[in-house]
N, C-alpha and C. Protein backbone atom coordinates (compact mmCIF):
# COMPACT_ATOMS: atom_id res chain seq x y z
N TYR A 1 21.70 -8.87 -19.41
CA TYR A 1 22.20 -8.43 -17.99
C TYR A 1 21.77 -9.13 -16.84
N GLU A 2 22.80 -9.33 -15.72
CA GLU A 2 22.27 -9.75 -14.48
C GLU A 2 22.03 -8.86 -13.63
N VAL A 3 20.81 -8.76 -13.06
CA VAL A 3 20.36 -7.71 -12.22
C VAL A 3 20.62 -7.99 -10.54
N LYS A 4 21.22 -7.14 -9.95
CA LYS A 4 21.46 -7.43 -8.49
C LYS A 4 20.72 -6.19 -7.69
N PHE A 5 19.58 -6.51 -6.97
CA PHE A 5 18.89 -5.53 -6.52
C PHE A 5 19.43 -5.23 -5.16
N GLN A 6 19.46 -3.93 -4.80
CA GLN A 6 20.18 -3.57 -3.52
C GLN A 6 19.21 -2.18 -2.91
N LYS A 7 18.67 -2.43 -1.98
CA LYS A 7 17.67 -1.74 -1.17
C LYS A 7 18.24 -0.55 -0.40
N THR A 8 17.98 0.59 -0.77
CA THR A 8 18.88 1.95 0.03
C THR A 8 17.63 3.00 0.37
N GLU A 9 18.56 3.89 1.12
CA GLU A 9 17.42 5.12 1.49
C GLU A 9 17.52 6.00 0.22
N TRP A 10 16.32 6.75 0.19
CA TRP A 10 16.14 7.66 -0.86
C TRP A 10 17.46 8.48 -1.33
N SER A 11 18.20 9.27 -0.60
CA SER A 11 19.17 9.82 -0.75
C SER A 11 20.24 9.19 -1.38
N SER A 12 20.34 7.95 -1.00
CA SER A 12 21.60 7.21 -1.29
C SER A 12 21.43 6.81 -2.75
N VAL A 13 20.36 6.73 -3.34
CA VAL A 13 19.96 6.16 -4.66
C VAL A 13 20.70 7.18 -5.52
N PHE A 14 20.64 8.44 -5.28
CA PHE A 14 21.28 9.35 -6.30
C PHE A 14 22.69 9.58 -6.21
N THR A 15 23.41 9.38 -4.69
CA THR A 15 24.80 9.60 -4.76
C THR A 15 25.38 8.28 -5.15
N GLY A 16 24.62 7.04 -5.00
CA GLY A 16 25.08 5.73 -5.79
C GLY A 16 25.37 5.90 -7.05
N LEU A 17 24.34 6.58 -7.90
CA LEU A 17 24.27 6.57 -9.10
C LEU A 17 25.58 7.57 -9.57
N ASP A 18 25.87 8.55 -8.63
CA ASP A 18 26.90 9.87 -8.85
C ASP A 18 28.25 9.20 -8.67
N ALA A 19 28.48 8.18 -7.84
CA ALA A 19 29.56 7.40 -7.44
C ALA A 19 29.73 6.19 -8.38
N GLY A 20 28.83 5.67 -9.05
CA GLY A 20 28.95 4.53 -10.06
C GLY A 20 28.85 3.53 -9.10
N LYS A 21 28.42 3.35 -7.88
CA LYS A 21 27.99 2.05 -7.07
C LYS A 21 26.84 1.37 -7.70
N TYR A 22 25.74 2.39 -8.28
CA TYR A 22 24.86 1.68 -9.22
C TYR A 22 24.52 2.17 -10.59
N GLN A 23 24.18 1.44 -11.58
CA GLN A 23 24.09 1.89 -12.87
C GLN A 23 22.50 2.36 -13.01
N MET A 24 21.68 1.99 -12.29
CA MET A 24 20.20 1.97 -12.82
C MET A 24 19.66 2.28 -11.29
N ALA A 25 18.48 2.94 -11.31
CA ALA A 25 17.63 3.17 -10.11
C ALA A 25 16.28 3.22 -10.29
N GLY A 26 15.29 2.59 -9.31
CA GLY A 26 13.91 2.57 -9.54
C GLY A 26 13.28 2.72 -8.46
N ASN A 27 12.47 3.79 -8.14
CA ASN A 27 11.68 4.09 -7.05
C ASN A 27 10.48 5.22 -7.17
N ASN A 28 9.53 4.97 -7.76
CA ASN A 28 8.77 5.97 -8.19
C ASN A 28 9.38 7.47 -8.21
N ILE A 29 10.37 7.46 -9.25
CA ILE A 29 11.12 8.48 -9.77
C ILE A 29 10.54 9.35 -10.78
N SER A 30 9.94 10.51 -10.68
CA SER A 30 9.46 11.46 -11.45
C SER A 30 10.61 12.20 -12.10
N TYR A 31 10.12 12.84 -13.36
CA TYR A 31 10.93 13.57 -14.30
C TYR A 31 11.11 15.22 -13.53
N SER A 32 12.44 15.75 -13.45
CA SER A 32 12.61 16.95 -12.88
C SER A 32 13.91 17.58 -14.03
N GLU A 33 13.72 18.83 -14.28
CA GLU A 33 14.73 19.31 -15.23
C GLU A 33 16.23 19.14 -14.26
N GLU A 34 16.18 19.15 -13.22
CA GLU A 34 17.54 19.04 -12.39
C GLU A 34 17.88 17.78 -12.68
N ARG A 35 17.18 16.53 -12.57
CA ARG A 35 17.71 15.32 -12.73
C ARG A 35 17.82 15.08 -14.29
N ASP A 36 17.45 15.79 -15.14
CA ASP A 36 17.76 15.51 -16.67
C ASP A 36 19.15 15.75 -17.03
N GLN A 37 19.37 17.00 -16.22
CA GLN A 37 20.89 17.61 -16.38
C GLN A 37 21.96 16.54 -15.90
N LYS A 38 21.76 15.54 -15.17
CA LYS A 38 22.61 14.64 -14.34
C LYS A 38 22.40 13.20 -14.87
N TYR A 39 21.30 12.79 -15.21
CA TYR A 39 21.10 11.42 -15.38
C TYR A 39 20.12 11.19 -16.90
N LEU A 40 20.15 9.90 -16.98
CA LEU A 40 19.44 9.43 -18.33
C LEU A 40 18.18 8.82 -17.87
N PHE A 41 17.15 9.20 -18.39
CA PHE A 41 15.61 8.43 -18.06
C PHE A 41 15.33 7.23 -19.10
N SER A 42 14.50 6.48 -18.63
CA SER A 42 14.02 5.23 -19.49
C SER A 42 12.85 5.96 -19.84
N TYR A 43 12.02 5.22 -20.92
CA TYR A 43 10.73 5.40 -21.06
C TYR A 43 9.99 4.97 -19.78
N PRO A 44 8.65 5.78 -19.91
CA PRO A 44 7.97 5.59 -18.37
C PRO A 44 7.66 4.01 -18.33
N ILE A 45 7.42 3.69 -16.77
CA ILE A 45 7.10 2.40 -16.52
C ILE A 45 5.82 2.40 -15.85
N GLY A 46 5.41 3.58 -15.66
CA GLY A 46 4.06 3.64 -15.11
C GLY A 46 3.44 4.93 -14.75
N THR A 47 2.30 5.05 -14.54
CA THR A 47 1.66 6.35 -14.26
C THR A 47 0.97 6.45 -12.77
N THR A 48 1.46 7.27 -11.65
CA THR A 48 1.02 7.14 -10.62
C THR A 48 0.20 8.53 -10.05
N PRO A 49 -1.13 8.52 -10.26
CA PRO A 49 -1.92 9.65 -9.92
C PRO A 49 -1.62 9.80 -8.52
N THR A 50 -1.65 11.27 -8.17
CA THR A 50 -1.10 11.65 -6.87
C THR A 50 -2.62 12.09 -5.91
N VAL A 51 -2.33 11.91 -5.01
CA VAL A 51 -3.72 11.96 -4.02
C VAL A 51 -3.14 12.75 -2.54
N LEU A 52 -3.85 13.39 -2.06
CA LEU A 52 -3.83 14.20 -0.74
C LEU A 52 -4.66 13.17 0.15
N THR A 53 -3.76 12.72 1.27
CA THR A 53 -4.29 12.13 2.44
C THR A 53 -4.41 12.58 3.51
N VAL A 54 -5.73 12.48 3.96
CA VAL A 54 -5.94 13.38 5.50
C VAL A 54 -6.71 12.51 6.33
N PRO A 55 -6.99 12.72 7.57
CA PRO A 55 -7.90 12.35 8.46
C PRO A 55 -9.34 12.46 7.91
N LYS A 56 -10.07 11.52 8.19
CA LYS A 56 -11.48 11.71 7.53
C LYS A 56 -12.12 12.84 8.20
N ASP A 57 -12.01 13.41 9.61
CA ASP A 57 -12.38 14.36 10.05
C ASP A 57 -11.80 15.71 9.60
N SER A 58 -10.80 15.75 8.92
CA SER A 58 -9.91 16.98 8.49
C SER A 58 -10.81 18.07 7.71
N ASN A 59 -10.23 19.41 7.92
CA ASN A 59 -10.85 20.40 7.30
C ASN A 59 -10.15 20.76 6.04
N ILE A 60 -9.42 19.78 5.83
CA ILE A 60 -8.58 19.99 4.32
C ILE A 60 -9.52 19.40 3.24
N LYS A 61 -9.91 20.11 2.50
CA LYS A 61 -10.90 19.68 1.25
C LYS A 61 -10.34 19.37 -0.06
N LYS A 62 -9.24 20.48 -0.19
CA LYS A 62 -8.67 20.56 -1.45
C LYS A 62 -7.08 21.01 -1.22
N TYR A 63 -6.30 21.00 -2.40
CA TYR A 63 -4.97 21.19 -2.30
C TYR A 63 -4.62 22.79 -1.50
N ASP A 64 -5.24 23.89 -1.99
CA ASP A 64 -5.14 25.20 -1.17
C ASP A 64 -5.42 24.96 0.30
N ASP A 65 -6.08 24.18 0.94
CA ASP A 65 -6.40 24.08 2.11
C ASP A 65 -5.11 23.53 3.30
N ILE A 66 -4.17 23.25 2.38
CA ILE A 66 -2.88 22.78 2.97
C ILE A 66 -2.09 23.75 4.01
N ALA A 67 -2.44 25.12 3.37
CA ALA A 67 -1.66 25.94 3.93
C ALA A 67 -2.11 26.04 5.58
N GLY A 68 -0.69 26.23 6.24
CA GLY A 68 -0.81 26.30 7.78
C GLY A 68 -0.90 24.92 8.55
N HIS A 69 -0.79 24.07 7.67
CA HIS A 69 -0.80 22.44 8.15
C HIS A 69 0.33 21.73 8.09
N SER A 70 0.44 20.76 8.64
CA SER A 70 1.82 20.29 8.91
C SER A 70 1.69 18.69 8.11
N THR A 71 2.75 18.26 7.71
CA THR A 71 3.05 17.14 7.02
C THR A 71 4.81 16.72 7.16
N GLN A 72 4.81 15.12 6.80
CA GLN A 72 6.27 14.82 6.78
C GLN A 72 6.73 14.69 5.44
N VAL A 73 8.00 15.02 4.99
CA VAL A 73 8.31 14.95 3.77
C VAL A 73 9.92 14.50 4.01
N VAL A 74 10.35 13.61 2.63
CA VAL A 74 11.71 13.24 2.58
C VAL A 74 12.55 14.17 1.80
N GLN A 75 13.65 14.55 2.26
CA GLN A 75 14.56 15.57 1.67
C GLN A 75 14.83 15.04 0.12
N GLY A 76 14.69 15.80 -0.76
CA GLY A 76 15.15 15.59 -2.24
C GLY A 76 14.10 14.99 -3.02
N THR A 77 12.70 14.87 -2.36
CA THR A 77 11.93 14.39 -3.31
C THR A 77 10.90 15.37 -3.99
N SER A 78 10.00 15.09 -4.86
CA SER A 78 9.44 16.01 -5.71
C SER A 78 8.31 16.55 -4.83
N THR A 79 7.87 15.96 -3.70
CA THR A 79 7.05 16.61 -2.89
C THR A 79 7.75 17.63 -1.87
N ALA A 80 8.84 17.35 -1.67
CA ALA A 80 9.44 18.31 -0.71
C ALA A 80 9.70 19.50 -1.40
N THR A 81 9.89 19.41 -2.65
CA THR A 81 10.38 20.59 -3.80
C THR A 81 8.99 21.41 -3.84
N GLN A 82 7.92 20.60 -4.09
CA GLN A 82 6.49 21.03 -4.64
C GLN A 82 6.19 22.08 -3.42
N LEU A 83 6.26 21.30 -2.05
CA LEU A 83 5.72 22.16 -0.94
C LEU A 83 6.56 23.28 -0.42
N THR A 84 7.99 23.36 -0.69
CA THR A 84 8.71 24.46 -0.44
C THR A 84 8.59 25.51 -1.38
N GLU A 85 8.10 25.17 -2.78
CA GLU A 85 7.69 26.08 -3.63
C GLU A 85 6.11 26.85 -3.17
N PHE A 86 5.30 26.15 -2.70
CA PHE A 86 4.03 26.44 -2.01
C PHE A 86 4.37 27.47 -1.04
N ASN A 87 5.35 26.99 -0.06
CA ASN A 87 5.58 28.00 0.94
C ASN A 87 5.98 29.41 0.50
N GLU A 88 6.86 29.36 -0.43
CA GLU A 88 7.28 30.78 -0.91
C GLU A 88 6.20 31.36 -1.61
N LYS A 89 5.30 30.78 -2.04
CA LYS A 89 4.08 31.51 -2.33
C LYS A 89 2.88 31.93 -1.32
N HIS A 90 3.04 31.35 -0.20
CA HIS A 90 2.09 31.58 0.81
C HIS A 90 3.11 31.66 2.18
N PRO A 91 3.65 32.95 2.11
CA PRO A 91 4.79 33.12 3.53
C PRO A 91 3.99 33.23 4.54
N ASP A 92 2.57 33.88 4.46
CA ASP A 92 2.07 34.19 5.50
C ASP A 92 1.42 32.90 6.27
N LYS A 93 1.23 31.94 5.44
CA LYS A 93 0.79 30.75 5.99
C LYS A 93 1.35 29.75 5.57
N PRO A 94 2.60 29.24 5.85
CA PRO A 94 3.16 27.99 5.33
C PRO A 94 2.91 26.82 5.75
N VAL A 95 3.29 25.80 5.02
CA VAL A 95 3.00 24.22 5.37
C VAL A 95 4.34 24.13 6.41
N GLU A 96 3.84 23.48 7.63
CA GLU A 96 4.88 23.23 8.45
C GLU A 96 5.59 21.90 7.98
N LEU A 97 6.80 21.77 7.49
CA LEU A 97 7.53 20.66 6.90
C LEU A 97 8.35 19.75 7.85
N HIS A 98 8.15 18.50 8.24
CA HIS A 98 8.90 17.58 9.16
C HIS A 98 9.80 16.82 8.23
N TYR A 99 10.92 16.73 8.06
CA TYR A 99 11.90 16.05 7.33
C TYR A 99 12.10 14.75 8.01
N THR A 100 11.93 13.68 7.34
CA THR A 100 12.04 12.36 8.09
C THR A 100 12.66 11.23 7.01
N ASN A 101 13.49 10.32 7.62
CA ASN A 101 13.94 9.27 6.72
C ASN A 101 12.88 8.01 7.06
N GLU A 102 11.60 7.93 7.74
CA GLU A 102 10.74 7.20 7.58
C GLU A 102 10.10 6.74 6.23
N ASN A 103 9.79 5.27 6.33
CA ASN A 103 9.05 4.87 4.92
C ASN A 103 7.51 5.55 5.02
N ILE A 104 6.82 5.04 3.73
CA ILE A 104 5.70 5.68 3.64
C ILE A 104 4.77 5.03 4.40
N THR A 105 4.75 3.83 4.86
CA THR A 105 3.83 3.03 5.64
C THR A 105 4.02 3.72 6.96
N GLN A 106 5.14 4.00 7.56
CA GLN A 106 5.10 4.68 8.87
C GLN A 106 4.68 6.42 8.65
N VAL A 107 4.90 6.84 7.65
CA VAL A 107 4.49 8.29 7.66
C VAL A 107 2.72 8.31 7.47
N LEU A 108 2.13 7.53 7.06
CA LEU A 108 0.87 7.15 7.07
C LEU A 108 0.16 6.98 8.28
N THR A 109 0.67 5.91 8.86
CA THR A 109 0.48 5.42 10.08
C THR A 109 0.48 6.87 11.34
N ASN A 110 1.68 7.46 11.10
CA ASN A 110 1.65 8.60 12.00
C ASN A 110 0.46 9.49 11.60
N LEU A 111 0.01 9.79 10.30
CA LEU A 111 -0.76 10.42 10.05
C LEU A 111 -2.11 9.95 10.50
N ASN A 112 -2.46 8.67 10.33
CA ASN A 112 -3.68 8.07 10.92
C ASN A 112 -3.76 8.54 12.38
N GLU A 113 -2.68 8.54 13.17
CA GLU A 113 -2.67 8.71 14.63
C GLU A 113 -2.69 10.06 15.04
N GLY A 114 -2.87 11.00 14.00
CA GLY A 114 -3.15 12.41 14.22
C GLY A 114 -1.70 13.20 14.67
N LYS A 115 -0.68 12.72 14.15
CA LYS A 115 0.65 13.33 14.53
C LYS A 115 0.81 14.58 13.42
N TYR A 116 0.35 14.23 12.48
CA TYR A 116 0.26 15.32 11.35
C TYR A 116 -0.95 15.53 10.43
N ASP A 117 -1.14 16.48 9.65
CA ASP A 117 -2.28 16.78 9.15
C ASP A 117 -2.49 16.37 7.67
N PHE A 118 -1.51 16.10 6.97
CA PHE A 118 -1.79 15.55 5.60
C PHE A 118 -0.30 14.92 5.07
N LYS A 119 -0.55 14.18 3.87
CA LYS A 119 0.46 13.65 2.88
C LYS A 119 -0.01 13.67 1.61
N ILE A 120 0.90 13.86 0.68
CA ILE A 120 0.81 14.10 -0.63
C ILE A 120 1.77 13.02 -0.97
N PHE A 121 1.13 11.77 -1.97
CA PHE A 121 1.86 10.75 -2.24
C PHE A 121 0.87 10.00 -3.32
N GLU A 122 1.58 8.98 -4.04
CA GLU A 122 1.11 8.55 -5.25
C GLU A 122 -0.17 7.62 -4.91
N ALA A 123 -1.28 7.71 -5.84
CA ALA A 123 -2.41 6.75 -5.13
C ALA A 123 -2.25 5.27 -5.10
N PRO A 124 -1.62 4.22 -5.86
CA PRO A 124 -1.52 3.06 -5.79
C PRO A 124 -0.84 2.67 -4.43
N THR A 125 0.02 3.28 -4.01
CA THR A 125 0.89 2.89 -2.79
C THR A 125 -0.14 3.38 -1.58
N VAL A 126 -0.54 4.51 -1.81
CA VAL A 126 -1.46 5.35 -0.61
C VAL A 126 -2.65 4.02 -0.25
N ASN A 127 -3.09 3.50 -1.10
CA ASN A 127 -4.39 2.87 -1.29
C ASN A 127 -4.42 1.48 -0.68
N ALA A 128 -3.11 1.12 -1.25
CA ALA A 128 -2.65 -0.30 -0.69
C ALA A 128 -2.28 -0.35 0.77
N ILE A 129 -1.60 0.59 1.19
CA ILE A 129 -1.14 0.49 2.65
C ILE A 129 -2.37 0.87 3.49
N ILE A 130 -3.35 1.66 3.28
CA ILE A 130 -4.40 2.24 3.96
C ILE A 130 -5.19 0.63 4.26
N LYS A 131 -5.44 0.08 3.12
CA LYS A 131 -6.07 -1.23 3.00
C LYS A 131 -5.10 -2.40 3.83
N ASN A 132 -4.25 -2.48 3.54
CA ASN A 132 -3.44 -3.61 4.11
C ASN A 132 -3.05 -3.48 5.68
N ASN A 133 -2.86 -2.11 6.32
CA ASN A 133 -2.75 -1.87 7.65
C ASN A 133 -3.90 -1.18 8.27
N LYS A 134 -4.98 -1.50 7.57
CA LYS A 134 -6.34 -1.07 8.38
C LYS A 134 -6.20 0.37 9.10
N LEU A 135 -5.81 1.30 7.94
CA LEU A 135 -5.55 2.80 8.61
C LEU A 135 -6.95 3.39 8.27
N SER A 136 -8.01 3.20 9.28
CA SER A 136 -9.37 3.53 9.01
C SER A 136 -9.82 4.91 9.17
N ASN A 137 -8.71 5.69 9.60
CA ASN A 137 -9.12 6.94 10.09
C ASN A 137 -8.48 7.80 8.91
N LEU A 138 -8.27 7.21 7.74
CA LEU A 138 -7.68 8.19 6.66
C LEU A 138 -8.54 8.23 5.27
N LYS A 139 -8.56 9.32 4.66
CA LYS A 139 -9.05 9.17 3.45
C LYS A 139 -8.36 9.93 2.44
N THR A 140 -8.60 9.58 1.04
CA THR A 140 -7.98 10.44 0.06
C THR A 140 -8.47 11.32 -0.82
N ILE A 141 -7.95 12.28 -1.19
CA ILE A 141 -8.46 13.42 -2.02
C ILE A 141 -7.69 13.61 -3.44
N GLU A 142 -8.20 13.34 -4.67
CA GLU A 142 -7.40 12.92 -5.63
C GLU A 142 -6.91 14.56 -6.17
N LEU A 143 -5.87 14.65 -6.70
CA LEU A 143 -5.14 15.79 -7.11
C LEU A 143 -5.24 15.98 -8.64
N LYS A 144 -5.70 16.87 -9.26
CA LYS A 144 -5.87 17.24 -10.54
C LYS A 144 -4.47 17.59 -11.03
N SER A 145 -4.03 17.11 -12.29
CA SER A 145 -2.74 17.44 -12.91
C SER A 145 -2.95 17.57 -14.40
N ASP A 146 -2.25 18.59 -15.06
CA ASP A 146 -2.30 18.80 -16.30
C ASP A 146 -1.55 17.93 -17.10
N GLN A 147 -0.50 17.56 -16.37
CA GLN A 147 0.54 16.46 -16.85
C GLN A 147 0.07 15.12 -16.33
N GLN A 148 0.58 14.00 -17.40
CA GLN A 148 0.37 12.64 -16.76
C GLN A 148 1.54 12.43 -15.81
N PRO A 149 1.33 12.04 -14.47
CA PRO A 149 2.44 11.59 -13.60
C PRO A 149 3.21 10.39 -13.72
N TYR A 150 3.92 10.42 -14.90
CA TYR A 150 4.83 9.17 -15.13
C TYR A 150 5.74 8.94 -14.33
N ILE A 151 6.39 7.83 -13.81
CA ILE A 151 7.49 7.46 -13.33
C ILE A 151 8.59 6.63 -14.12
N TYR A 152 9.86 6.59 -13.74
CA TYR A 152 10.70 6.17 -14.58
C TYR A 152 12.00 5.63 -13.82
N PHE A 153 12.52 4.50 -14.78
CA PHE A 153 13.84 3.98 -14.42
C PHE A 153 15.03 5.31 -14.61
N LEU A 154 15.89 5.49 -13.77
CA LEU A 154 16.93 6.48 -13.59
C LEU A 154 18.44 5.55 -14.09
N PHE A 155 19.25 6.35 -14.91
CA PHE A 155 20.32 5.66 -15.05
C PHE A 155 21.67 6.61 -15.07
N ALA A 156 22.69 6.22 -14.51
CA ALA A 156 24.12 6.85 -14.53
C ALA A 156 24.04 7.50 -16.00
N ASP A 157 24.87 8.44 -16.01
CA ASP A 157 24.88 9.27 -17.37
C ASP A 157 25.84 8.46 -18.34
N ASN A 158 26.58 7.33 -17.94
CA ASN A 158 27.29 6.77 -18.63
C ASN A 158 26.70 5.47 -19.22
N GLN A 159 25.48 5.34 -18.98
CA GLN A 159 24.79 3.95 -19.34
C GLN A 159 23.82 3.86 -20.42
N LYS A 160 24.09 4.69 -21.61
CA LYS A 160 23.39 4.69 -22.36
C LYS A 160 23.11 3.36 -23.27
N ASP A 161 23.92 2.46 -23.41
CA ASP A 161 23.69 0.97 -23.75
C ASP A 161 22.63 0.59 -23.12
N LEU A 162 22.82 0.52 -21.58
CA LEU A 162 21.76 -0.06 -20.66
C LEU A 162 20.43 0.61 -20.87
N GLN A 163 20.54 1.88 -20.72
CA GLN A 163 18.99 2.59 -21.29
C GLN A 163 18.43 2.11 -22.51
N LYS A 164 19.17 2.08 -23.49
CA LYS A 164 18.80 1.51 -24.85
C LYS A 164 18.12 0.09 -24.70
N PHE A 165 18.77 -0.71 -23.94
CA PHE A 165 18.31 -2.24 -23.77
C PHE A 165 17.09 -2.19 -22.97
N VAL A 166 16.95 -1.35 -21.84
CA VAL A 166 16.01 -1.45 -21.16
C VAL A 166 14.64 -0.76 -21.88
N ASN A 167 14.92 0.15 -22.59
CA ASN A 167 13.73 0.93 -23.35
C ASN A 167 12.98 0.01 -24.18
N LYS A 168 13.95 -0.86 -24.65
CA LYS A 168 13.48 -2.02 -26.03
C LYS A 168 12.67 -2.83 -25.30
N ARG A 169 13.12 -3.42 -23.78
CA ARG A 169 12.31 -4.38 -23.04
C ARG A 169 10.97 -3.75 -22.68
N LEU A 170 11.02 -2.59 -22.22
CA LEU A 170 9.77 -2.01 -22.25
C LEU A 170 8.63 -1.65 -23.32
N GLU A 171 9.22 -1.49 -24.40
CA GLU A 171 8.20 -1.46 -25.59
C GLU A 171 7.80 -2.81 -25.58
N GLU A 172 8.36 -3.90 -25.58
CA GLU A 172 7.88 -5.23 -25.57
C GLU A 172 7.04 -5.67 -24.33
N LEU A 173 7.15 -5.33 -23.25
CA LEU A 173 6.45 -5.39 -21.95
C LEU A 173 5.22 -4.80 -22.11
N GLN A 174 5.06 -3.50 -22.77
CA GLN A 174 3.90 -2.82 -23.01
C GLN A 174 3.04 -3.41 -23.85
N LYS A 175 3.89 -3.96 -24.92
CA LYS A 175 3.00 -4.41 -26.00
C LYS A 175 2.43 -5.82 -25.68
N ASP A 176 3.00 -6.70 -25.33
CA ASP A 176 2.30 -8.00 -24.84
C ASP A 176 1.49 -8.11 -23.73
N GLY A 177 1.33 -6.98 -23.15
CA GLY A 177 0.57 -6.80 -21.95
C GLY A 177 1.04 -7.20 -20.35
N THR A 178 2.48 -7.45 -20.49
CA THR A 178 3.00 -7.87 -19.37
C THR A 178 2.99 -6.66 -18.35
N LEU A 179 3.19 -5.16 -18.94
CA LEU A 179 3.03 -4.09 -17.77
C LEU A 179 1.75 -4.17 -17.23
N ALA A 180 0.70 -4.25 -18.18
CA ALA A 180 -0.75 -4.10 -17.53
C ALA A 180 -0.75 -5.10 -16.42
N LYS A 181 -0.16 -6.61 -16.60
CA LYS A 181 -0.63 -7.37 -15.63
C LYS A 181 0.29 -7.02 -14.44
N LEU A 182 1.50 -6.50 -14.33
CA LEU A 182 2.42 -6.22 -13.18
C LEU A 182 1.31 -5.15 -12.40
N ALA A 183 0.79 -4.14 -13.39
CA ALA A 183 0.06 -2.86 -12.69
C ALA A 183 -0.84 -3.22 -12.02
N GLU A 184 -1.64 -4.47 -12.46
CA GLU A 184 -2.90 -4.87 -11.84
C GLU A 184 -2.50 -5.46 -10.50
N LYS A 185 -1.37 -6.30 -10.35
CA LYS A 185 -0.88 -7.29 -9.29
C LYS A 185 -0.27 -6.33 -8.30
N PHE A 186 0.61 -5.32 -8.60
CA PHE A 186 1.36 -4.66 -7.65
C PHE A 186 0.63 -3.16 -7.18
N LEU A 187 -0.21 -2.69 -8.21
CA LEU A 187 -0.66 -1.28 -8.15
C LEU A 187 -2.11 -1.41 -8.00
N GLY A 188 -2.88 -2.55 -8.19
CA GLY A 188 -4.21 -2.70 -8.28
C GLY A 188 -5.11 -2.01 -9.24
N ASN A 189 -4.31 -1.76 -10.42
CA ASN A 189 -5.07 -1.07 -11.61
C ASN A 189 -4.08 -1.39 -12.75
N LYS A 190 -4.62 -2.02 -13.70
CA LYS A 190 -4.01 -2.13 -14.99
C LYS A 190 -3.97 -0.98 -15.65
N ASP A 191 -4.58 0.06 -15.64
CA ASP A 191 -4.70 1.14 -16.14
C ASP A 191 -3.47 2.42 -15.71
N TYR A 192 -2.75 1.89 -14.76
CA TYR A 192 -1.60 2.51 -14.22
C TYR A 192 -0.13 2.11 -14.88
N ILE A 193 -0.49 2.40 -16.40
CA ILE A 193 0.81 2.04 -17.40
C ILE A 193 0.73 3.03 -18.32
N PRO A 194 1.92 3.36 -19.01
CA PRO A 194 1.91 4.24 -20.27
C PRO A 194 1.29 3.65 -21.42
N THR A 195 0.77 4.68 -22.08
CA THR A 195 0.36 4.15 -23.43
C THR A 195 1.31 3.98 -24.58
N LYS A 196 1.11 3.29 -25.41
CA LYS A 196 2.15 3.10 -26.74
C LYS A 196 2.94 4.28 -27.02
N ASP A 197 2.00 5.56 -27.22
CA ASP A 197 2.57 6.82 -27.58
C ASP A 197 3.20 7.48 -26.56
N ALA A 198 3.01 7.18 -25.49
CA ALA A 198 4.17 7.84 -24.24
C ALA A 198 5.51 7.24 -24.10
N LEU A 199 5.58 6.17 -25.00
CA LEU A 199 6.90 5.29 -24.52
C LEU A 199 8.06 6.31 -25.23
N LYS A 200 8.56 7.05 -24.56
CA LYS A 200 9.40 7.94 -25.12
C LYS A 200 10.29 8.67 -23.73
N VAL A 201 11.45 9.04 -24.10
CA VAL A 201 12.50 9.55 -22.99
C VAL A 201 12.03 10.72 -22.54
N PRO A 202 11.68 11.37 -21.28
CA PRO A 202 11.17 12.56 -21.15
C PRO A 202 12.41 13.73 -21.48
N SER A 203 12.07 14.95 -21.73
CA SER A 203 13.25 16.05 -21.65
C SER A 203 12.41 17.21 -21.49
N LYS A 204 13.02 18.56 -21.09
CA LYS A 204 12.55 19.60 -20.80
C LYS A 204 12.17 20.22 -22.05
N LYS A 205 10.79 20.94 -21.81
CA LYS A 205 10.30 21.43 -23.21
C LYS A 205 11.13 22.73 -23.62
């Protein structure tokens, strides 16, 4: 396959797959039953532990403390869904959601400047941005999860041959150590990769 990379807004990733503009997508995409009904998933390409990012003087110490505080979210992301569900369970003190198309670097910069109270995102990206952009006012709190937070490539539902090809390559890259090298180079930790046993297509239980 000859791959043509096209950078686009988050929402356009899915509309592009739906319209046949793109055959494959990759952007920290996690599993959901809704996506499973419309698209094909690859084997996991990495694992991205989630962190709660807050100013160092914040009174937010754990996940439940976000009630009544503000954050920026992008429409259609798993974080937006998660916080909407949080608000349904905490109607007396909901999280103030500010929808944005700004990238994660700008969102964290806004947080560093005190414009919002917290941001939930994956650890490798957050840690790299805080370090590279000297966002010295921020700290991270690891969020525990019962499930391994894998991320995947996504394919249009008519791309089974491409899915099969990519999955075979991912097996090879995991086996020969290439995935670990890429994770260490770009995510800062060689352990942010799936184990051999985890190389399977996700599906709803």
